[in-house]
PDB file of N, CA and C in Angstrom:
ATOM      1  N   UNK A   1     -19.758  15.041  26.877  1.00  0.00           N
ATOM      2  CA  UNK A   1     -17.902  15.248  25.780  1.00  0.00           C
ATOM      3  C   UNK A   1     -17.286  14.378  26.382  1.00  0.00           C
ATOM      4  N   UNK A   2     -17.042  15.393  27.890  1.00  0.00           N
ATOM      5  CA  UNK A   2     -15.496  14.856  28.684  1.00  0.00           C
ATOM      6  C   UNK A   2     -15.533  13.125  28.750  1.00  0.00           C
ATOM      7  N   UNK A   3     -16.390  12.657  29.369  1.00  0.00           N
ATOM      8  CA  UNK A   3     -15.772  11.615  30.023  1.00  0.00           C
ATOM      9  C   UNK A   3     -16.083  10.857  28.568  1.00  0.00           C
ATOM     10  N   UNK A   4     -16.736  11.319  26.873  1.00  0.00           N
ATOM     11  CA  UNK A   4     -15.603   9.820  25.923  1.00  0.00           C
ATOM     12  C   UNK A   4     -14.902  10.654  26.036  1.00  0.00           C
ATOM     13  N   UNK A   5     -14.776  11.575  25.462  1.00  0.00           N
ATOM     14  CA  UNK A   5     -13.190  11.598  25.361  1.00  0.00           C
ATOM     15  C   UNK A   5     -11.957  11.336  25.783  1.00  0.00           C
ATOM     16  N   UNK A   6     -12.446  11.555  27.600  1.00  0.00           N
ATOM     17  CA  UNK A   6     -12.057  11.490  28.217  1.00  0.00           C
ATOM     18  C   UNK A   6     -11.022   9.411  28.315  1.00  0.00           C
ATOM     19  N   UNK A   7     -12.091   8.418  27.956  1.00  0.00           N
ATOM     20  CA  UNK A   7     -12.638   7.123  27.340  1.00  0.00           C
ATOM     21  C   UNK A   7     -11.561   6.641  26.593  1.00  0.00           C
ATOM     22  N   UNK A   8     -11.757   7.719  25.536  1.00  0.00           N
ATOM     23  CA  UNK A   8     -10.977   7.535  24.258  1.00  0.00           C
ATOM     24  C   UNK A   8      -9.656   7.732  24.379  1.00  0.00           C
ATOM     25  N   UNK A   9      -8.731   8.243  25.247  1.00  0.00           N
ATOM     26  CA  UNK A   9      -7.732   9.233  25.353  1.00  0.00           C
ATOM     27  C   UNK A   9      -7.008   7.960  26.106  1.00  0.00           C
ATOM     28  N   UNK A  10      -7.726   6.846  26.286  1.00  0.00           N
ATOM     29  CA  UNK A  10      -6.782   5.870  27.147  1.00  0.00           C
ATOM     30  C   UNK A  10      -7.116   5.034  26.557  1.00  0.00           C
ATOM     31  N   UNK A  11      -8.142   4.670  26.450  1.00  0.00           N
ATOM     32  CA  UNK A  11      -7.955   3.265  25.204  1.00  0.00           C
ATOM     33  C   UNK A  11      -9.519   2.525  25.540  1.00  0.00           C
ATOM     34  N   UNK A  12     -10.349   2.203  24.357  1.00  0.00           N
ATOM     35  CA  UNK A  12     -11.164   1.531  24.504  1.00  0.00           C
ATOM     36  C   UNK A  12     -11.213  -0.036  23.215  1.00  0.00           C
ATOM     37  N   UNK A  13     -11.611  -1.272  23.510  1.00  0.00           N
ATOM     38  CA  UNK A  13     -11.266  -2.225  23.233  1.00  0.00           C
ATOM     39  C   UNK A  13     -12.121  -2.210  22.809  1.00  0.00           C
ATOM     40  N   UNK A  14     -12.078  -2.416  20.995  1.00  0.00           N
ATOM     41  CA  UNK A  14     -13.909  -2.097  19.611  1.00  0.00           C
ATOM     42  C   UNK A  14     -13.821  -3.651  19.058  1.00  0.00           C
ATOM     43  N   UNK A  15     -14.073  -3.933  18.812  1.00  0.00           N
ATOM     44  CA  UNK A  15     -14.473  -4.848  17.261  1.00  0.00           C
ATOM     45  C   UNK A  15     -13.783  -4.463  15.834  1.00  0.00           C
ATOM     46  N   UNK A  16     -12.632  -5.355  15.120  1.00  0.00           N
ATOM     47  CA  UNK A  16     -13.552  -4.292  13.904  1.00  0.00           C
ATOM     48  C   UNK A  16     -13.259  -5.138  13.024  1.00  0.00           C
ATOM     49  N   UNK A  17     -14.321  -5.481  11.563  1.00  0.00           N
ATOM     50  CA  UNK A  17     -15.634  -6.095  10.938  1.00  0.00           C
ATOM     51  C   UNK A  17     -13.345  -5.670   9.349  1.00  0.00           C
ATOM     52  N   UNK A  18     -13.168  -7.176   9.786  1.00  0.00           N
ATOM     53  CA  UNK A  18     -12.972  -7.563   8.250  1.00  0.00           C
ATOM     54  C   UNK A  18     -13.681  -8.010   7.192  1.00  0.00           C
ATOM     55  N   UNK A  19     -13.062  -8.247   5.699  1.00  0.00           N
ATOM     56  CA  UNK A  19     -14.163  -8.138   4.478  1.00  0.00           C
ATOM     57  C   UNK A  19     -14.791  -9.793   4.579  1.00  0.00           C
ATOM     58  N   UNK A  20     -14.378 -10.636   4.967  1.00  0.00           N
ATOM     59  CA  UNK A  20     -14.423 -11.948   4.925  1.00  0.00           C
ATOM     60  C   UNK A  20     -16.095 -12.163   6.481  1.00  0.00           C
ATOM     61  N   UNK A  21     -15.802 -10.915   6.698  1.00  0.00           N
ATOM     62  CA  UNK A  21     -17.040 -11.055   7.976  1.00  0.00           C
ATOM     63  C   UNK A  21     -16.758 -11.351   9.257  1.00  0.00           C
ATOM     64  N   UNK A  22     -14.664 -11.615   9.809  1.00  0.00           N
ATOM     65  CA  UNK A  22     -14.836 -12.069  11.058  1.00  0.00           C
ATOM     66  C   UNK A  22     -14.649 -10.796  11.832  1.00  0.00           C
ATOM     67  N   UNK A  23     -14.917 -10.572  13.143  1.00  0.00           N
ATOM     68  CA  UNK A  23     -14.177  -9.406  14.165  1.00  0.00           C
ATOM     69  C   UNK A  23     -12.988 -10.121  15.101  1.00  0.00           C
ATOM     70  N   UNK A  24     -12.191  -8.986  14.839  1.00  0.00           N
ATOM     71  CA  UNK A  24     -11.377  -9.073  15.824  1.00  0.00           C
ATOM     72  C   UNK A  24     -10.667  -8.346  16.750  1.00  0.00           C
ATOM     73  N   UNK A  25     -10.656  -8.228  17.853  1.00  0.00           N
ATOM     74  CA  UNK A  25     -10.674  -6.997  19.240  1.00  0.00           C
ATOM     75  C   UNK A  25      -9.421  -6.862  19.452  1.00  0.00           C
ATOM     76  N   UNK A  26      -9.368  -5.379  18.812  1.00  0.00           N
ATOM     77  CA  UNK A  26      -8.584  -4.032  18.905  1.00  0.00           C
ATOM     78  C   UNK A  26      -8.583  -3.162  19.150  1.00  0.00           C
ATOM     79  N   UNK A  27      -7.812  -2.330  20.150  1.00  0.00           N
ATOM     80  CA  UNK A  27      -8.279  -2.039  20.834  1.00  0.00           C
ATOM     81  C   UNK A  27      -8.049   0.453  20.285  1.00  0.00           C
ATOM     82  N   UNK A  28      -8.625   0.611  20.680  1.00  0.00           N
ATOM     83  CA  UNK A  28      -8.694   2.175  19.783  1.00  0.00           C
ATOM     84  C   UNK A  28      -8.133   3.767  20.512  1.00  0.00           C
ATOM     85  N   UNK A  29      -8.199   4.555  20.439  1.00  0.00           N
ATOM     86  CA  UNK A  29      -7.470   6.425  21.252  1.00  0.00           C
ATOM     87  C   UNK A  29      -7.298   6.836  21.069  1.00  0.00           C
ATOM     88  N   UNK A  30      -7.586   7.757  21.156  1.00  0.00           N
ATOM     89  CA  UNK A  30      -7.427   9.236  20.351  1.00  0.00           C
ATOM     90  C   UNK A  30      -5.335  10.022  20.978  1.00  0.00           C
ATOM     91  N   UNK A  31      -5.386  10.506  20.658  1.00  0.00           N
ATOM     92  CA  UNK A  31      -3.904  10.545  20.557  1.00  0.00           C
ATOM     93  C   UNK A  31      -4.129  12.291  21.502  1.00  0.00           C
ATOM     94  N   UNK A  32      -3.743  12.445  22.807  1.00  0.00           N
ATOM     95  CA  UNK A  32      -3.507  12.989  23.646  1.00  0.00           C
ATOM     96  C   UNK A  32      -3.715  15.017  22.988  1.00  0.00           C
ATOM     97  N   UNK A  33      -3.717  14.972  21.849  1.00  0.00           N
ATOM     98  CA  UNK A  33      -3.280  15.981  21.473  1.00  0.00           C
ATOM     99  C   UNK A  33      -4.820  16.137  20.731  1.00  0.00           C
ATOM    100  N   UNK A  34      -5.851  15.015  20.669  1.00  0.00           N
ATOM    101  CA  UNK A  34      -6.831  14.906  19.625  1.00  0.00           C
ATOM    102  C   UNK A  34      -6.697  15.842  18.001  1.00  0.00           C
ATOM    103  N   UNK A  35      -6.208  14.508  18.164  1.00  0.00           N
ATOM    104  CA  UNK A  35      -5.259  14.809  16.628  1.00  0.00           C
ATOM    105  C   UNK A  35      -5.044  13.085  15.689  1.00  0.00           C
ATOM    106  N   UNK A  36      -5.007  12.355  16.211  1.00  0.00           N
ATOM    107  CA  UNK A  36      -5.613  11.061  15.701  1.00  0.00           C
ATOM    108  C   UNK A  36      -6.058  10.024  16.482  1.00  0.00           C
ATOM    109  N   UNK A  37      -5.998   9.228  15.409  1.00  0.00           N
ATOM    110  CA  UNK A  37      -7.491   8.062  15.755  1.00  0.00           C
ATOM    111  C   UNK A  37      -5.765   6.909  15.635  1.00  0.00           C
ATOM    112  N   UNK A  38      -5.892   5.932  16.360  1.00  0.00           N
ATOM    113  CA  UNK A  38      -4.839   5.513  17.489  1.00  0.00           C
ATOM    114  C   UNK A  38      -5.172   3.070  16.786  1.00  0.00           C
ATOM    115  N   UNK A  39      -5.450   2.689  16.642  1.00  0.00           N
ATOM    116  CA  UNK A  39      -5.984   1.665  16.203  1.00  0.00           C
ATOM    117  C   UNK A  39      -4.863   0.047  16.900  1.00  0.00           C
ATOM    118  N   UNK A  40      -4.942  -0.243  17.894  1.00  0.00           N
ATOM    119  CA  UNK A  40      -3.850  -1.829  18.046  1.00  0.00           C
ATOM    120  C   UNK A  40      -4.579  -2.889  17.752  1.00  0.00           C
ATOM    121  N   UNK A  41      -3.551  -3.240  17.301  1.00  0.00           N
ATOM    122  CA  UNK A  41      -4.103  -5.048  16.761  1.00  0.00           C
ATOM    123  C   UNK A  41      -3.212  -5.960  16.719  1.00  0.00           C
ATOM    124  N   UNK A  42      -2.762  -6.911  17.855  1.00  0.00           N
ATOM    125  CA  UNK A  42      -1.841  -7.582  18.092  1.00  0.00           C
ATOM    126  C   UNK A  42      -0.963  -7.656  17.600  1.00  0.00           C
ATOM    127  N   UNK A  43      -0.088  -5.901  18.676  1.00  0.00           N
ATOM    128  CA  UNK A  43       1.136  -5.887  18.579  1.00  0.00           C
ATOM    129  C   UNK A  43       1.489  -4.774  17.320  1.00  0.00           C
ATOM    130  N   UNK A  44       0.478  -4.509  16.208  1.00  0.00           N
ATOM    131  CA  UNK A  44       0.443  -3.558  14.989  1.00  0.00           C
ATOM    132  C   UNK A  44      -0.082  -2.036  15.800  1.00  0.00           C
ATOM    133  N   UNK A  45       0.103  -1.192  15.315  1.00  0.00           N
ATOM    134  CA  UNK A  45      -0.150  -0.271  15.617  1.00  0.00           C
ATOM    135  C   UNK A  45      -0.186   0.759  14.223  1.00  0.00           C
ATOM    136  N   UNK A  46      -0.983   1.839  15.044  1.00  0.00           N
ATOM    137  CA  UNK A  46      -1.432   1.754  13.274  1.00  0.00           C
ATOM    138  C   UNK A  46      -2.570   3.637  13.183  1.00  0.00           C
ATOM    139  N   UNK A  47      -2.072   4.432  12.775  1.00  0.00           N
ATOM    140  CA  UNK A  47      -1.985   5.981  14.144  1.00  0.00           C
ATOM    141  C   UNK A  47      -3.220   6.486  12.394  1.00  0.00           C
ATOM    142  N   UNK A  48      -4.166   7.197  12.573  1.00  0.00           N
ATOM    143  CA  UNK A  48      -5.033   7.638  10.985  1.00  0.00           C
ATOM    144  C   UNK A  48      -5.259   9.190  11.955  1.00  0.00           C
ATOM    145  N   UNK A  49      -4.224   9.833  10.864  1.00  0.00           N
ATOM    146  CA  UNK A  49      -5.007  11.166  11.539  1.00  0.00           C
ATOM    147  C   UNK A  49      -7.015  11.644  11.265  1.00  0.00           C
ATOM    148  N   UNK A  50      -6.263  12.498  12.332  1.00  0.00           N
ATOM    149  CA  UNK A  50      -8.403  12.738  12.332  1.00  0.00           C
ATOM    150  C   UNK A  50      -8.626  13.673  11.313  1.00  0.00           C
ATOM    151  N   UNK A  51      -7.778  14.114  10.110  1.00  0.00           N
ATOM    152  CA  UNK A  51      -7.714  15.224   9.736  1.00  0.00           C
ATOM    153  C   UNK A  51      -8.467  14.032   7.914  1.00  0.00           C
ATOM    154  N   UNK A  52      -7.976  12.615   8.063  1.00  0.00           N
ATOM    155  CA  UNK A  52      -7.380  12.072   7.186  1.00  0.00           C
ATOM    156  C   UNK A  52      -9.389  11.340   7.117  1.00  0.00           C
ATOM    157  N   UNK A  53      -9.980  11.535   8.261  1.00  0.00           N
ATOM    158  CA  UNK A  53     -10.666  10.500   8.136  1.00  0.00           C
ATOM    159  C   UNK A  53     -11.927  11.993   7.222  1.00  0.00           C
ATOM    160  N   UNK A  54     -12.011  10.954   5.800  1.00  0.00           N
ATOM    161  CA  UNK A  54     -13.389  11.689   4.912  1.00  0.00           C
ATOM    162  C   UNK A  54     -14.471  12.058   4.994  1.00  0.00           C
ATOM    163  N   UNK A  55     -14.650  10.341   5.389  1.00  0.00           N
ATOM    164  CA  UNK A  55     -17.056  10.532   6.374  1.00  0.00           C
ATOM    165  C   UNK A  55     -16.606   9.335   7.182  1.00  0.00           C
ATOM    166  N   UNK A  56     -17.664   9.508   8.230  1.00  0.00           N
ATOM    167  CA  UNK A  56     -18.259   8.981   8.774  1.00  0.00           C
ATOM    168  C   UNK A  56     -19.198   7.954   8.480  1.00  0.00           C
ATOM    169  N   UNK A  57     -19.918   6.723   8.545  1.00  0.00           N
ATOM    170  CA  UNK A  57     -21.357   6.356   8.198  1.00  0.00           C
ATOM    171  C   UNK A  57     -20.892   4.634   9.443  1.00  0.00           C
ATOM    172  N   UNK A  58     -23.019   4.851   9.508  1.00  0.00           N
ATOM    173  CA  UNK A  58     -24.069   3.899   9.917  1.00  0.00           C
ATOM    174  C   UNK A  58     -24.087   2.733   9.602  1.00  0.00           C
ATOM    175  N   UNK A  59     -24.388   1.868  10.097  1.00  0.00           N
ATOM    176  CA  UNK A  59     -25.244   0.300   9.638  1.00  0.00           C
ATOM    177  C   UNK A  59     -25.039   0.046   8.416  1.00  0.00           C
ATOM    178  N   UNK A  60     -25.305   0.256   7.457  1.00  0.00           N
ATOM    179  CA  UNK A  60     -25.666  -0.972   6.048  1.00  0.00           C
ATOM    180  C   UNK A  60     -24.348   0.394   4.935  1.00  0.00           C
ATOM    181  N   UNK A  61     -24.079   1.522   5.262  1.00  0.00           N
ATOM    182  CA  UNK A  61     -23.473   2.396   4.442  1.00  0.00           C
ATOM    183  C   UNK A  61     -22.237   2.034   4.676  1.00  0.00           C
ATOM    184  N   UNK A  62     -21.084   2.713   3.841  1.00  0.00           N
ATOM    185  CA  UNK A  62     -21.689   2.493   2.145  1.00  0.00           C
ATOM    186  C   UNK A  62     -22.063   1.352   1.817  1.00  0.00           C
ATOM    187  N   UNK A  63     -23.009   1.323   0.795  1.00  0.00           N
ATOM    188  CA  UNK A  63     -23.695   0.310  -0.863  1.00  0.00           C
ATOM    189  C   UNK A  63     -22.133  -0.519  -1.306  1.00  0.00           C
ATOM    190  N   UNK A  64     -21.118   0.290  -1.036  1.00  0.00           N
ATOM    191  CA  UNK A  64     -20.498  -0.480  -1.615  1.00  0.00           C
ATOM    192  C   UNK A  64     -19.161  -0.583  -1.806  1.00  0.00           C
ATOM    193  N   UNK A  65     -18.905  -1.780  -0.530  1.00  0.00           N
ATOM    194  CA  UNK A  65     -18.169  -1.849   0.259  1.00  0.00           C
ATOM    195  C   UNK A  65     -18.868  -3.136   0.834  1.00  0.00           C
ATOM    196  N   UNK A  66     -16.909  -4.521   0.230  1.00  0.00           N
ATOM    197  CA  UNK A  66     -18.042  -5.530   0.309  1.00  0.00           C
ATOM    198  C   UNK A  66     -17.975  -6.220   1.355  1.00  0.00           C
ATOM    199  N   UNK A  67     -17.706  -5.629   2.569  1.00  0.00           N
ATOM    200  CA  UNK A  67     -17.662  -6.050   3.854  1.00  0.00           C
ATOM    201  C   UNK A  67     -18.759  -5.743   4.462  1.00  0.00           C
ATOM    202  N   UNK A  68     -19.563  -7.590   4.890  1.00  0.00           N
ATOM    203  CA  UNK A  68     -20.396  -7.090   5.228  1.00  0.00           C
ATOM    204  C   UNK A  68     -20.865  -6.224   6.566  1.00  0.00           C
ATOM    205  N   UNK A  69     -22.159  -5.316   6.020  1.00  0.00           N
ATOM    206  CA  UNK A  69     -22.453  -4.202   7.406  1.00  0.00           C
ATOM    207  C   UNK A  69     -23.726  -4.455   7.692  1.00  0.00           C
ATOM    208  N   UNK A  70     -23.938  -4.204   9.009  1.00  0.00           N
ATOM    209  CA  UNK A  70     -25.208  -4.294   9.691  1.00  0.00           C
ATOM    210  C   UNK A  70     -26.144  -3.093  10.441  1.00  0.00           C
ATOM    211  N   UNK A  71     -26.894  -2.855  11.657  1.00  0.00           N
ATOM    212  CA  UNK A  71     -26.850  -2.217  11.454  1.00  0.00           C
ATOM    213  C   UNK A  71     -26.215  -1.110  13.127  1.00  0.00           C
ATOM    214  N   UNK A  72     -25.320  -2.496  13.327  1.00  0.00           N
ATOM    215  CA  UNK A  72     -24.042  -2.177  14.460  1.00  0.00           C
ATOM    216  C   UNK A  72     -23.441  -1.768  13.648  1.00  0.00           C
ATOM    217  N   UNK A  73     -22.767  -1.688  12.757  1.00  0.00           N
ATOM    218  CA  UNK A  73     -21.674  -1.264  12.607  1.00  0.00           C
ATOM    219  C   UNK A  73     -21.375   0.521  12.266  1.00  0.00           C
ATOM    220  N   UNK A  74     -20.117   0.426  12.315  1.00  0.00           N
ATOM    221  CA  UNK A  74     -20.074   2.743  11.855  1.00  0.00           C
ATOM    222  C   UNK A  74     -18.573   2.411  11.024  1.00  0.00           C
ATOM    223  N   UNK A  75     -18.798   2.401  10.251  1.00  0.00           N
ATOM    224  CA  UNK A  75     -17.748   2.909   9.352  1.00  0.00           C
ATOM    225  C   UNK A  75     -16.637   4.160   8.825  1.00  0.00           C
ATOM    226  N   UNK A  76     -15.080   4.283   8.638  1.00  0.00           N
ATOM    227  CA  UNK A  76     -14.217   4.690   8.305  1.00  0.00           C
ATOM    228  C   UNK A  76     -14.558   5.192   7.545  1.00  0.00           C
ATOM    229  N   UNK A  77     -14.565   6.045   6.848  1.00  0.00           N
ATOM    230  CA  UNK A  77     -14.197   6.409   4.874  1.00  0.00           C
ATOM    231  C   UNK A  77     -12.975   7.601   5.612  1.00  0.00           C
ATOM    232  N   UNK A  78     -11.829   7.031   4.898  1.00  0.00           N
ATOM    233  CA  UNK A  78     -10.596   8.258   4.954  1.00  0.00           C
ATOM    234  C   UNK A  78     -10.263   7.929   3.335  1.00  0.00           C
ATOM    235  N   UNK A  79      -9.608   9.401   3.148  1.00  0.00           N
ATOM    236  CA  UNK A  79      -9.216  10.186   1.775  1.00  0.00           C
ATOM    237  C   UNK A  79      -9.062   9.292   0.763  1.00  0.00           C
ATOM    238  N   UNK A  80      -8.547   7.479   1.226  1.00  0.00           N
ATOM    239  CA  UNK A  80      -8.014   7.703   0.609  1.00  0.00           C
ATOM    240  C   UNK A  80      -8.840   6.422  -0.175  1.00  0.00           C
ATOM    241  N   UNK A  81     -10.085   6.587   0.247  1.00  0.00           N
ATOM    242  CA  UNK A  81     -12.141   5.536  -0.728  1.00  0.00           C
ATOM    243  C   UNK A  81     -11.048   4.108   0.930  1.00  0.00           C
ATOM    244  N   UNK A  82     -10.312   4.023   0.985  1.00  0.00           N
ATOM    245  CA  UNK A  82     -10.566   3.026   2.494  1.00  0.00           C
ATOM    246  C   UNK A  82     -10.611   3.135   3.847  1.00  0.00           C
ATOM    247  N   UNK A  83     -11.686   2.024   3.695  1.00  0.00           N
ATOM    248  CA  UNK A  83     -12.425   1.640   4.401  1.00  0.00           C
ATOM    249  C   UNK A  83     -12.490   0.765   5.450  1.00  0.00           C
ATOM    250  N   UNK A  84     -12.741   1.145   7.303  1.00  0.00           N
ATOM    251  CA  UNK A  84     -11.868   0.607   8.112  1.00  0.00           C
ATOM    252  C   UNK A  84     -14.116   0.941   9.168  1.00  0.00           C
ATOM    253  N   UNK A  85     -13.874  -1.071   9.068  1.00  0.00           N
ATOM    254  CA  UNK A  85     -16.071  -1.325   9.584  1.00  0.00           C
ATOM    255  C   UNK A  85     -15.642  -1.337  11.255  1.00  0.00           C
ATOM    256  N   UNK A  86     -15.660  -0.939  12.045  1.00  0.00           N
ATOM    257  CA  UNK A  86     -16.084  -1.968  13.486  1.00  0.00           C
ATOM    258  C   UNK A  86     -17.631  -1.303  13.672  1.00  0.00           C
ATOM    259  N   UNK A  87     -17.767  -3.237  14.478  1.00  0.00           N
ATOM    260  CA  UNK A  87     -19.486  -3.636  14.980  1.00  0.00           C
ATOM    261  C   UNK A  87     -18.969  -3.682  16.809  1.00  0.00           C
ATOM    262  N   UNK A  88     -20.412  -3.049  16.700  1.00  0.00           N
ATOM    263  CA  UNK A  88     -20.787  -2.764  17.803  1.00  0.00           C
ATOM    264  C   UNK A  88     -21.567  -4.222  18.524  1.00  0.00           C
ATOM    265  N   UNK A  89     -22.105  -4.224  20.481  1.00  0.00           N
ATOM    266  CA  UNK A  89     -23.036  -4.426  20.045  1.00  0.00           C
ATOM    267  C   UNK A  89     -24.165  -4.103  20.933  1.00  0.00           C
ATOM    268  N   UNK A  90     -24.279  -3.226  21.091  1.00  0.00           N
ATOM    269  CA  UNK A  90     -25.297  -2.168  21.213  1.00  0.00           C
ATOM    270  C   UNK A  90     -25.527  -0.683  21.400  1.00  0.00           C
ATOM    271  N   UNK A  91     -26.896  -0.160  20.494  1.00  0.00           N
ATOM    272  CA  UNK A  91     -25.634   1.870  19.835  1.00  0.00           C
ATOM    273  C   UNK A  91     -26.676   2.522  21.367  1.00  0.00           C
TER     274      UNK A  91
END
């Protein structure tokens, strides 16, 4: 677990999946205090408090969003009901 946290503080490239099915590479990280998840894409930076994450889904859930999900997806649902989906190449 320590190695995972260290790598996430340093930042990891991930594929974010848009509702139209396109993937884009972004850099995701945790802040040093482990309070926020940071997504950087094309020079824009979004900081999401971990307390804002309501649920984490794996695979084809949640079923009620338009994003084309598969078993390689992980979706964060925020308290605002916004969903952010990442697609991985392996599990």
